[in-house]
Amino acid sequence: MEINAAVFRKVHEPLTIEAVDIDKPWGREVLVRTAATGVCHSDLHVVDGQGRFPLDRPIVLGHEGAGVVEAIGDEVTAVTPGDHIVACLSGFCGNCPQCLSGHPNLCTGGIVTRPDSAAPRLSQKGQPLRQFIGISSYAEKMLLHENSLVKIDPDLPLDQAALVGCGVLTGVGAALRSSGMEAGQTVAVFGCGGVGLSIVQGARIGGARQIIAIDQFGTKRQMAMRVGATHFVNSSDDDPVKAVRALTGGLGVDHAFEAVGNAKLVR
């Protein structure tokens, strides 16, 4: 089947809209009509040559996608045609030691992508195109393993749902799952982009009593406060460490989150 997709061919150069071929779903695969996709900074890192993934080019990027199921393989049990879904970058097999020990994000099963010996999911003029994280949402359709998607309520707007698959998942999950944060504790969030604001929301949902949002751009204040921050520190004007200590009576916070991806900031 021929579809249009944004193809990445060369570092630092724009993606190009091209006609590509997408295969029919096999086994546990699901064909999805893409309704919306986010632009994650991880995709931009790849375009800028900063990605840590072993990427062959050409490749179709994108992993924050949402859409409607069009067709399914004969072994699929999670969804049926017409269902609304969000693509999930943390696809898992459910059977490897990591999955069975409660760490599906570290899955080693490798079932969410096709083996190299199989026909590619995406191709162009008979030549394979690389699929990004088993998703490639910068295309009119996505071909995913059923463990790389989540069925959602059809009333949820798909343009909003797309963001849940990466940024919201990462931020809220960090606050509610990874950190061990408990209700009544204090939190500082460094960086108020999509992930940082999702951490703020996760901390609010988890019952943090003090949520200090920190960013070098004062324009982030309004949104940070809107989604749950109790305080905002503009790090361009104030030393954030001193500000956090002042706001917490010299105690510091129970949990600090770095949501920029800057090694210097982590240290």
C-alpha atoms as a PDB file:
ATOM      1  CA  MET A   1       0.000   0.000   0.000  1.00  0.00           C
ATOM      2  CA  GLU A   2       1.364   3.426  -0.922  1.00  0.00           C
ATOM      3  CA  ILE A   3       1.290   6.245   1.642  1.00  0.00           C
ATOM      4  CA  ASN A   4       2.998   9.590   2.150  1.00  0.00           C
ATOM      5  CA  ALA A   5       5.666   9.915   4.825  1.00  0.00           C
ATOM      6  CA  ALA A   6       8.277  12.416   5.988  1.00  0.00           C
ATOM      7  CA  VAL A   7      11.595  10.747   5.163  1.00  0.00           C
ATOM      8  CA  PHE A   8      14.878  11.636   6.877  1.00  0.00           C
ATOM      9  CA  ARG A   9      17.887  11.195   4.609  1.00  0.00           C
ATOM     10  CA  LYS A  10      20.684  13.504   5.709  1.00  0.00           C
ATOM     11  CA  VAL A  11      21.741  15.108   8.997  1.00  0.00           C
ATOM     12  CA  HIS A  12      20.859  18.808   9.351  1.00  0.00           C
ATOM     13  CA  GLU A  13      18.618  18.727   6.300  1.00  0.00           C
ATOM     14  CA  PRO A  14      14.801  18.963   6.247  1.00  0.00           C
ATOM     15  CA  LEU A  15      12.660  15.858   6.042  1.00  0.00           C
ATOM     16  CA  THR A  16      11.036  15.342   2.651  1.00  0.00           C
ATOM     17  CA  ILE A  17       7.468  14.212   1.989  1.00  0.00           C
ATOM     18  CA  GLU A  18       7.722  11.142  -0.213  1.00  0.00           C
ATOM     19  CA  ALA A  19       5.595   8.238  -1.390  1.00  0.00           C
ATOM     20  CA  VAL A  20       6.543   5.032   0.438  1.00  0.00           C
ATOM     21  CA  ASP A  21       5.090   1.533   0.661  1.00  0.00           C
ATOM     22  CA  ILE A  22       3.731   0.078   3.892  1.00  0.00           C
ATOM     23  CA  ASP A  23       3.191  -3.675   4.226  1.00  0.00           C
ATOM     24  CA  LYS A  24       0.011  -5.374   5.423  1.00  0.00           C
ATOM     25  CA  PRO A  25      -0.087  -6.441   9.098  1.00  0.00           C
ATOM     26  CA  TRP A  26       1.318  -9.837  10.014  1.00  0.00           C
ATOM     27  CA  GLY A  27       0.557 -11.910  13.090  1.00  0.00           C
ATOM     28  CA  ARG A  28       0.341  -9.496  16.032  1.00  0.00           C
ATOM     29  CA  GLU A  29       0.784  -6.345  13.935  1.00  0.00           C
ATOM     30  CA  VAL A  30      -1.738  -3.522  13.639  1.00  0.00           C
ATOM     31  CA  LEU A  31      -2.188  -1.064  10.767  1.00  0.00           C
ATOM     32  CA  VAL A  32      -3.185   2.377  12.056  1.00  0.00           C
ATOM     33  CA  ARG A  33      -4.312   5.512  10.236  1.00  0.00           C
ATOM     34  CA  THR A  34      -2.271   8.296  11.807  1.00  0.00           C
ATOM     35  CA  ALA A  35      -4.513  11.105  13.045  1.00  0.00           C
ATOM     36  CA  ALA A  36      -1.905  13.152  14.913  1.00  0.00           C
ATOM     37  CA  THR A  37       1.744  13.038  15.872  1.00  0.00           C
ATOM     38  CA  GLY A  38       3.923  15.080  18.172  1.00  0.00           C
ATOM     39  CA  VAL A  39       7.415  16.358  17.443  1.00  0.00           C
ATOM     40  CA  CYS A  40       9.595  15.061  20.263  1.00  0.00           C
ATOM     41  CA  HIS A  41      13.031  16.512  20.890  1.00  0.00           C
ATOM     42  CA  SER A  42      14.425  12.999  20.461  1.00  0.00           C
ATOM     43  CA  ASP A  43      13.394  13.182  16.810  1.00  0.00           C
ATOM     44  CA  LEU A  44      15.118  16.558  16.494  1.00  0.00           C
ATOM     45  CA  HIS A  45      18.276  15.124  18.070  1.00  0.00           C
ATOM     46  CA  VAL A  46      18.355  12.490  15.340  1.00  0.00           C
ATOM     47  CA  VAL A  47      17.943  15.123  12.620  1.00  0.00           C
ATOM     48  CA  ASP A  48      20.780  17.115  14.206  1.00  0.00           C
ATOM     49  CA  GLY A  49      23.038  14.048  14.340  1.00  0.00           C
ATOM     50  CA  GLN A  50      22.874  13.760  18.114  1.00  0.00           C
ATOM     51  CA  GLY A  51      20.824  10.582  18.354  1.00  0.00           C
ATOM     52  CA  ARG A  52      22.286   7.606  20.210  1.00  0.00           C
ATOM     53  CA  PHE A  53      20.273   5.091  18.257  1.00  0.00           C
ATOM     54  CA  PRO A  54      22.128   3.019  15.610  1.00  0.00           C
ATOM     55  CA  LEU A  55      20.149   4.559  12.782  1.00  0.00           C
ATOM     56  CA  ASP A  56      20.430   3.614   9.155  1.00  0.00           C
ATOM     57  CA  ARG A  57      19.040   6.072   6.650  1.00  0.00           C
ATOM     58  CA  PRO A  58      16.688   6.708   4.992  1.00  0.00           C
ATOM     59  CA  ILE A  59      14.326   6.457   7.946  1.00  0.00           C
ATOM     60  CA  VAL A  60      10.813   7.599   8.835  1.00  0.00           C
ATOM     61  CA  LEU A  61      10.961   9.265  12.249  1.00  0.00           C
ATOM     62  CA  GLY A  62       8.215  10.006  14.775  1.00  0.00           C
ATOM     63  CA  HIS A  63       7.040   8.097  17.838  1.00  0.00           C
ATOM     64  CA  GLU A  64       4.372  10.279  19.515  1.00  0.00           C
ATOM     65  CA  GLY A  65       1.449   9.100  17.429  1.00  0.00           C
ATOM     66  CA  ALA A  66      -2.271   8.482  17.792  1.00  0.00           C
ATOM     67  CA  GLY A  67      -4.786   7.177  15.323  1.00  0.00           C
ATOM     68  CA  VAL A  68      -7.489   4.718  14.334  1.00  0.00           C
ATOM     69  CA  VAL A  69      -6.996   0.995  13.723  1.00  0.00           C
ATOM     70  CA  GLU A  70      -7.639   0.049  10.086  1.00  0.00           C
ATOM     71  CA  ALA A  71      -6.532  -3.588   9.933  1.00  0.00           C
ATOM     72  CA  ILE A  72      -5.042  -6.241  12.205  1.00  0.00           C
ATOM     73  CA  GLY A  73      -2.989  -9.395  11.866  1.00  0.00           C
ATOM     74  CA  ASP A  74      -4.597 -12.776  12.519  1.00  0.00           C
ATOM     75  CA  GLU A  75      -3.041 -13.103  16.001  1.00  0.00           C
ATOM     76  CA  VAL A  76      -4.020  -9.681  17.389  1.00  0.00           C
ATOM     77  CA  THR A  77      -6.191  -9.678  20.523  1.00  0.00           C
ATOM     78  CA  ALA A  78      -5.696  -6.166  21.950  1.00  0.00           C
ATOM     79  CA  VAL A  79      -7.657  -4.119  19.390  1.00  0.00           C
ATOM     80  CA  THR A  80     -10.126  -4.347  16.519  1.00  0.00           C
ATOM     81  CA  PRO A  81     -10.608  -2.133  13.443  1.00  0.00           C
ATOM     82  CA  GLY A  82     -12.111   1.219  14.399  1.00  0.00           C
ATOM     83  CA  ASP A  83     -10.451   1.375  17.825  1.00  0.00           C
ATOM     84  CA  HIS A  84      -8.577   4.540  18.764  1.00  0.00           C
ATOM     85  CA  ILE A  85      -5.005   4.025  19.955  1.00  0.00           C
ATOM     86  CA  VAL A  86      -1.884   5.772  21.189  1.00  0.00           C
ATOM     87  CA  ALA A  87       1.479   4.456  20.019  1.00  0.00           C
ATOM     88  CA  CYS A  88       3.819   3.559  22.878  1.00  0.00           C
ATOM     89  CA  LEU A  89       7.584   3.770  22.456  1.00  0.00           C
ATOM     90  CA  SER A  90       8.153   1.207  25.228  1.00  0.00           C
ATOM     91  CA  GLY A  91       6.976  -1.834  23.321  1.00  0.00           C
ATOM     92  CA  PHE A  92       7.496  -5.112  25.149  1.00  0.00           C
ATOM     93  CA  CYS A  93       7.327  -8.868  24.609  1.00  0.00           C
ATOM     94  CA  GLY A  94       5.881  -9.840  28.003  1.00  0.00           C
ATOM     95  CA  ASN A  95       7.958 -13.024  28.206  1.00  0.00           C
ATOM     96  CA  CYS A  96      11.630 -12.111  28.694  1.00  0.00           C
ATOM     97  CA  PRO A  97      13.240 -11.911  32.185  1.00  0.00           C
ATOM     98  CA  GLN A  98      12.974  -8.105  32.227  1.00  0.00           C
ATOM     99  CA  CYS A  99       9.270  -8.137  31.380  1.00  0.00           C
ATOM    100  CA  LEU A 100       8.520 -10.905  33.869  1.00  0.00           C
ATOM    101  CA  SER A 101      10.332  -9.010  36.636  1.00  0.00           C
ATOM    102  CA  GLY A 102       8.219  -5.890  36.109  1.00  0.00           C
ATOM    103  CA  HIS A 103      10.617  -3.947  33.884  1.00  0.00           C
ATOM    104  CA  PRO A 104       9.015  -4.020  30.415  1.00  0.00           C
ATOM    105  CA  ASN A 105      10.845  -0.796  29.506  1.00  0.00           C
ATOM    106  CA  LEU A 106      14.041  -2.896  29.504  1.00  0.00           C
ATOM    107  CA  CYS A 107      12.555  -5.654  27.336  1.00  0.00           C
ATOM    108  CA  THR A 108      15.082  -7.824  25.524  1.00  0.00           C
ATOM    109  CA  GLY A 109      12.515  -9.922  23.647  1.00  0.00           C
ATOM    110  CA  GLY A 110      12.744  -7.941  20.426  1.00  0.00           C
ATOM    111  CA  ILE A 111       9.314  -8.908  19.105  1.00  0.00           C
ATOM    112  CA  VAL A 112       8.003  -5.386  18.444  1.00  0.00           C
ATOM    113  CA  THR A 113      10.042  -5.071  15.243  1.00  0.00           C
ATOM    114  CA  ARG A 114      10.380  -7.467  12.353  1.00  0.00           C
ATOM    115  CA  PRO A 115      13.580  -9.506  12.049  1.00  0.00           C
ATOM    116  CA  ASP A 116      16.077  -8.305   9.470  1.00  0.00           C
ATOM    117  CA  SER A 117      15.425 -11.427   7.404  1.00  0.00           C
ATOM    118  CA  ALA A 118      11.721 -10.580   7.006  1.00  0.00           C
ATOM    119  CA  ALA A 119      10.089  -8.217   4.532  1.00  0.00           C
ATOM    120  CA  PRO A 120      10.329  -4.633   5.830  1.00  0.00           C
ATOM    121  CA  ARG A 121       7.293  -2.841   7.199  1.00  0.00           C
ATOM    122  CA  LEU A 122       8.261   0.256   5.204  1.00  0.00           C
ATOM    123  CA  SER A 123       9.947   0.330   1.809  1.00  0.00           C
ATOM    124  CA  GLN A 124      10.444   2.521  -1.231  1.00  0.00           C
ATOM    125  CA  LYS A 125      10.920   1.196  -4.748  1.00  0.00           C
ATOM    126  CA  GLY A 126      11.738  -2.214  -3.327  1.00  0.00           C
ATOM    127  CA  GLN A 127      14.350  -0.920  -0.885  1.00  0.00           C
ATOM    128  CA  PRO A 128      13.720  -1.060   2.885  1.00  0.00           C
ATOM    129  CA  LEU A 129      13.136   2.099   4.905  1.00  0.00           C
ATOM    130  CA  ARG A 130      14.165   2.144   8.538  1.00  0.00           C
ATOM    131  CA  GLN A 131      11.339   2.313  11.072  1.00  0.00           C
ATOM    132  CA  PHE A 132      11.928   4.486  14.150  1.00  0.00           C
ATOM    133  CA  ILE A 133      11.439   2.671  17.495  1.00  0.00           C
ATOM    134  CA  GLY A 134       9.012   0.340  15.749  1.00  0.00           C
ATOM    135  CA  ILE A 135       6.556   3.221  15.189  1.00  0.00           C
ATOM    136  CA  SER A 136       7.401   5.868  12.528  1.00  0.00           C
ATOM    137  CA  SER A 137       4.466   8.206  13.142  1.00  0.00           C
ATOM    138  CA  TYR A 138       5.587  10.820  10.572  1.00  0.00           C
ATOM    139  CA  ALA A 139       3.497   8.980   8.018  1.00  0.00           C
ATOM    140  CA  GLU A 140      -0.129   8.681   6.978  1.00  0.00           C
ATOM    141  CA  LYS A 141      -0.232   5.176   8.442  1.00  0.00           C
ATOM    142  CA  MET A 142       1.707   3.263  11.095  1.00  0.00           C
ATOM    143  CA  LEU A 143       2.355  -0.481  11.239  1.00  0.00           C
ATOM    144  CA  LEU A 144       2.898  -1.500  14.868  1.00  0.00           C
ATOM    145  CA  HIS A 145       3.138  -4.572  17.053  1.00  0.00           C
ATOM    146  CA  GLU A 146       0.074  -4.719  19.312  1.00  0.00           C
ATOM    147  CA  ASN A 147       2.353  -4.362  22.358  1.00  0.00           C
ATOM    148  CA  SER A 148       3.487  -0.987  20.997  1.00  0.00           C
ATOM    149  CA  LEU A 149       0.074   0.622  21.319  1.00  0.00           C
ATOM    150  CA  VAL A 150      -2.636   1.275  23.889  1.00  0.00           C
ATOM    151  CA  LYS A 151      -6.359   1.408  23.194  1.00  0.00           C
ATOM    152  CA  ILE A 152      -7.977   4.652  24.379  1.00  0.00           C
ATOM    153  CA  ASP A 153     -11.450   6.119  24.836  1.00  0.00           C
ATOM    154  CA  PRO A 154     -12.738   7.281  21.428  1.00  0.00           C
ATOM    155  CA  ASP A 155     -13.937  10.531  23.018  1.00  0.00           C
ATOM    156  CA  LEU A 156     -10.348  11.586  23.782  1.00  0.00           C
ATOM    157  CA  PRO A 157      -9.095  14.065  21.127  1.00  0.00           C
ATOM    158  CA  LEU A 158      -6.403  12.308  19.123  1.00  0.00           C
ATOM    159  CA  ASP A 159      -4.246  15.425  18.762  1.00  0.00           C
ATOM    160  CA  GLN A 160      -3.959  15.531  22.548  1.00  0.00           C
ATOM    161  CA  ALA A 161      -3.675  11.779  22.970  1.00  0.00           C
ATOM    162  CA  ALA A 162      -0.612  11.656  20.717  1.00  0.00           C
ATOM    163  CA  LEU A 163       1.462  13.478  23.338  1.00  0.00           C
ATOM    164  CA  VAL A 164       0.709  10.840  25.963  1.00  0.00           C
ATOM    165  CA  GLY A 165       2.817   8.256  24.137  1.00  0.00           C
ATOM    166  CA  CYS A 166       6.137   9.876  25.053  1.00  0.00           C
ATOM    167  CA  GLY A 167       6.325  13.247  26.847  1.00  0.00           C
ATOM    168  CA  VAL A 168       3.395  12.802  29.215  1.00  0.00           C
ATOM    169  CA  LEU A 169       4.220   9.147  29.808  1.00  0.00           C
ATOM    170  CA  THR A 170       7.828  10.007  30.641  1.00  0.00           C
ATOM    171  CA  GLY A 171       7.071  12.912  32.960  1.00  0.00           C
ATOM    172  CA  VAL A 172       4.074  11.595  34.859  1.00  0.00           C
ATOM    173  CA  GLY A 173       5.721   8.188  35.089  1.00  0.00           C
ATOM    174  CA  ALA A 174       8.880   9.703  36.568  1.00  0.00           C
ATOM    175  CA  ALA A 175       6.864  11.371  39.319  1.00  0.00           C
ATOM    176  CA  LEU A 176       4.417   8.592  40.111  1.00  0.00           C
ATOM    177  CA  ARG A 177       6.425   5.463  39.302  1.00  0.00           C
ATOM    178  CA  SER A 178      10.174   5.924  39.171  1.00  0.00           C
ATOM    179  CA  SER A 179      10.878   8.368  41.981  1.00  0.00           C
ATOM    180  CA  GLY A 180       9.074   6.768  44.886  1.00  0.00           C
ATOM    181  CA  MET A 181       7.516  10.133  45.701  1.00  0.00           C
ATOM    182  CA  GLU A 182       4.890  10.065  48.431  1.00  0.00           C
ATOM    183  CA  ALA A 183       1.997  12.391  49.187  1.00  0.00           C
ATOM    184  CA  GLY A 184       3.054  15.360  51.294  1.00  0.00           C
ATOM    185  CA  GLN A 185       6.634  15.447  50.011  1.00  0.00           C
ATOM    186  CA  THR A 186       8.395  18.317  48.257  1.00  0.00           C
ATOM    187  CA  VAL A 187       9.566  18.392  44.647  1.00  0.00           C
ATOM    188  CA  ALA A 188      11.759  20.527  42.386  1.00  0.00           C
ATOM    189  CA  VAL A 189      11.499  20.215  38.609  1.00  0.00           C
ATOM    190  CA  PHE A 190      14.357  21.621  36.508  1.00  0.00           C
ATOM    191  CA  GLY A 191      13.099  22.390  33.012  1.00  0.00           C
ATOM    192  CA  CYS A 192       9.513  23.208  32.078  1.00  0.00           C
ATOM    193  CA  GLY A 193       9.207  21.784  28.599  1.00  0.00           C
ATOM    194  CA  GLY A 194       6.739  19.032  27.778  1.00  0.00           C
ATOM    195  CA  VAL A 195       8.401  16.431  30.001  1.00  0.00           C
ATOM    196  CA  GLY A 196       9.000  18.862  32.865  1.00  0.00           C
ATOM    197  CA  LEU A 197       5.413  20.081  32.871  1.00  0.00           C
ATOM    198  CA  SER A 198       4.269  16.464  32.864  1.00  0.00           C
ATOM    199  CA  ILE A 199       6.437  15.837  35.938  1.00  0.00           C
ATOM    200  CA  VAL A 200       4.757  18.815  37.603  1.00  0.00           C
ATOM    201  CA  GLN A 201       1.360  17.317  36.818  1.00  0.00           C
ATOM    202  CA  GLY A 202       2.437  13.904  38.072  1.00  0.00           C
ATOM    203  CA  ALA A 203       3.686  15.428  41.317  1.00  0.00           C
ATOM    204  CA  ARG A 204       0.373  17.241  41.751  1.00  0.00           C
ATOM    205  CA  ILE A 205      -1.588  14.062  41.098  1.00  0.00           C
ATOM    206  CA  GLY A 206       0.639  12.233  43.581  1.00  0.00           C
ATOM    207  CA  GLY A 207      -0.116  14.749  46.334  1.00  0.00           C
ATOM    208  CA  ALA A 208       3.180  16.640  46.619  1.00  0.00           C
ATOM    209  CA  ARG A 209       2.669  19.567  48.989  1.00  0.00           C
ATOM    210  CA  GLN A 210       5.290  21.807  47.380  1.00  0.00           C
ATOM    211  CA  ILE A 211       6.220  21.734  43.693  1.00  0.00           C
ATOM    212  CA  ILE A 212       8.963  24.147  42.644  1.00  0.00           C
ATOM    213  CA  ALA A 213       9.218  24.561  38.865  1.00  0.00           C
ATOM    214  CA  ILE A 214      12.503  25.968  37.535  1.00  0.00           C
ATOM    215  CA  ASP A 215      13.265  27.256  34.055  1.00  0.00           C
ATOM    216  CA  GLN A 216      15.531  29.836  32.440  1.00  0.00           C
ATOM    217  CA  PHE A 217      12.585  31.340  30.576  1.00  0.00           C
ATOM    218  CA  GLY A 218      10.113  33.351  32.598  1.00  0.00           C
ATOM    219  CA  THR A 219       7.480  32.734  29.943  1.00  0.00           C
ATOM    220  CA  LYS A 220       7.113  29.206  31.339  1.00  0.00           C
ATOM    221  CA  ARG A 221       5.765  30.488  34.664  1.00  0.00           C
ATOM    222  CA  GLN A 222       2.098  30.736  33.731  1.00  0.00           C
ATOM    223  CA  MET A 223       1.824  27.226  32.330  1.00  0.00           C
ATOM    224  CA  ALA A 224       3.847  25.694  35.167  1.00  0.00           C
ATOM    225  CA  MET A 225       1.574  27.259  37.762  1.00  0.00           C
ATOM    226  CA  ARG A 226      -1.491  26.275  35.767  1.00  0.00           C
ATOM    227  CA  VAL A 227      -0.627  22.567  35.773  1.00  0.00           C
ATOM    228  CA  GLY A 228       0.290  22.348  39.434  1.00  0.00           C
ATOM    229  CA  ALA A 229       3.466  24.171  40.465  1.00  0.00           C
ATOM    230  CA  THR A 230       3.254  25.971  43.796  1.00  0.00           C
ATOM    231  CA  HIS A 231       6.325  28.110  43.064  1.00  0.00           C
ATOM    232  CA  PHE A 232       8.314  29.132  39.995  1.00  0.00           C
ATOM    233  CA  VAL A 233      11.985  30.094  39.847  1.00  0.00           C
ATOM    234  CA  ASN A 234      13.472  31.886  36.839  1.00  0.00           C
ATOM    235  CA  SER A 235      17.021  30.541  36.770  1.00  0.00           C
ATOM    236  CA  SER A 236      18.120  33.415  34.522  1.00  0.00           C
ATOM    237  CA  ASP A 237      17.432  35.813  37.385  1.00  0.00           C
ATOM    238  CA  ASP A 238      18.034  33.732  40.508  1.00  0.00           C
ATOM    239  CA  ASP A 239      20.376  30.941  41.576  1.00  0.00           C
ATOM    240  CA  PRO A 240      17.991  27.962  41.543  1.00  0.00           C
ATOM    241  CA  VAL A 241      19.757  26.074  44.342  1.00  0.00           C
ATOM    242  CA  LYS A 242      19.629  29.071  46.663  1.00  0.00           C
ATOM    243  CA  ALA A 243      16.027  29.718  45.664  1.00  0.00           C
ATOM    244  CA  VAL A 244      14.985  26.142  46.420  1.00  0.00           C
ATOM    245  CA  ARG A 245      16.692  26.256  49.799  1.00  0.00           C
ATOM    246  CA  ALA A 246      14.990  29.544  50.610  1.00  0.00           C
ATOM    247  CA  LEU A 247      11.581  28.193  49.642  1.00  0.00           C
ATOM    248  CA  THR A 248      12.055  25.057  51.747  1.00  0.00           C
ATOM    249  CA  GLY A 249      13.448  26.683  54.874  1.00  0.00           C
ATOM    250  CA  GLY A 250      16.961  25.479  54.075  1.00  0.00           C
ATOM    251  CA  LEU A 251      15.959  21.823  53.873  1.00  0.00           C
ATOM    252  CA  GLY A 252      15.947  21.303  50.123  1.00  0.00           C
ATOM    253  CA  VAL A 253      13.400  19.012  48.484  1.00  0.00           C
ATOM    254  CA  ASP A 254      12.603  15.339  48.834  1.00  0.00           C
ATOM    255  CA  HIS A 255      12.818  14.767  45.085  1.00  0.00           C
ATOM    256  CA  ALA A 256      14.539  16.752  42.328  1.00  0.00           C
ATOM    257  CA  PHE A 257      13.876  16.014  38.647  1.00  0.00           C
ATOM    258  CA  GLU A 258      16.067  17.069  35.722  1.00  0.00           C
ATOM    259  CA  ALA A 259      13.944  17.380  32.580  1.00  0.00           C
ATOM    260  CA  VAL A 260      16.360  19.052  30.179  1.00  0.00           C
ATOM    261  CA  GLY A 261      18.882  16.323  29.399  1.00  0.00           C
ATOM    262  CA  ASN A 262      21.878  18.471  30.320  1.00  0.00           C
ATOM    263  CA  ALA A 263      24.786  16.726  32.057  1.00  0.00           C
ATOM    264  CA  LYS A 264      26.008  19.952  33.670  1.00  0.00           C
ATOM    265  CA  LEU A 265      22.577  20.566  35.149  1.00  0.00           C
ATOM    266  CA  VAL A 266      22.459  17.028  36.548  1.00  0.00           C
ATOM    267  CA  ARG A 267      25.785  17.536  38.316  1.00  0.00           C
END
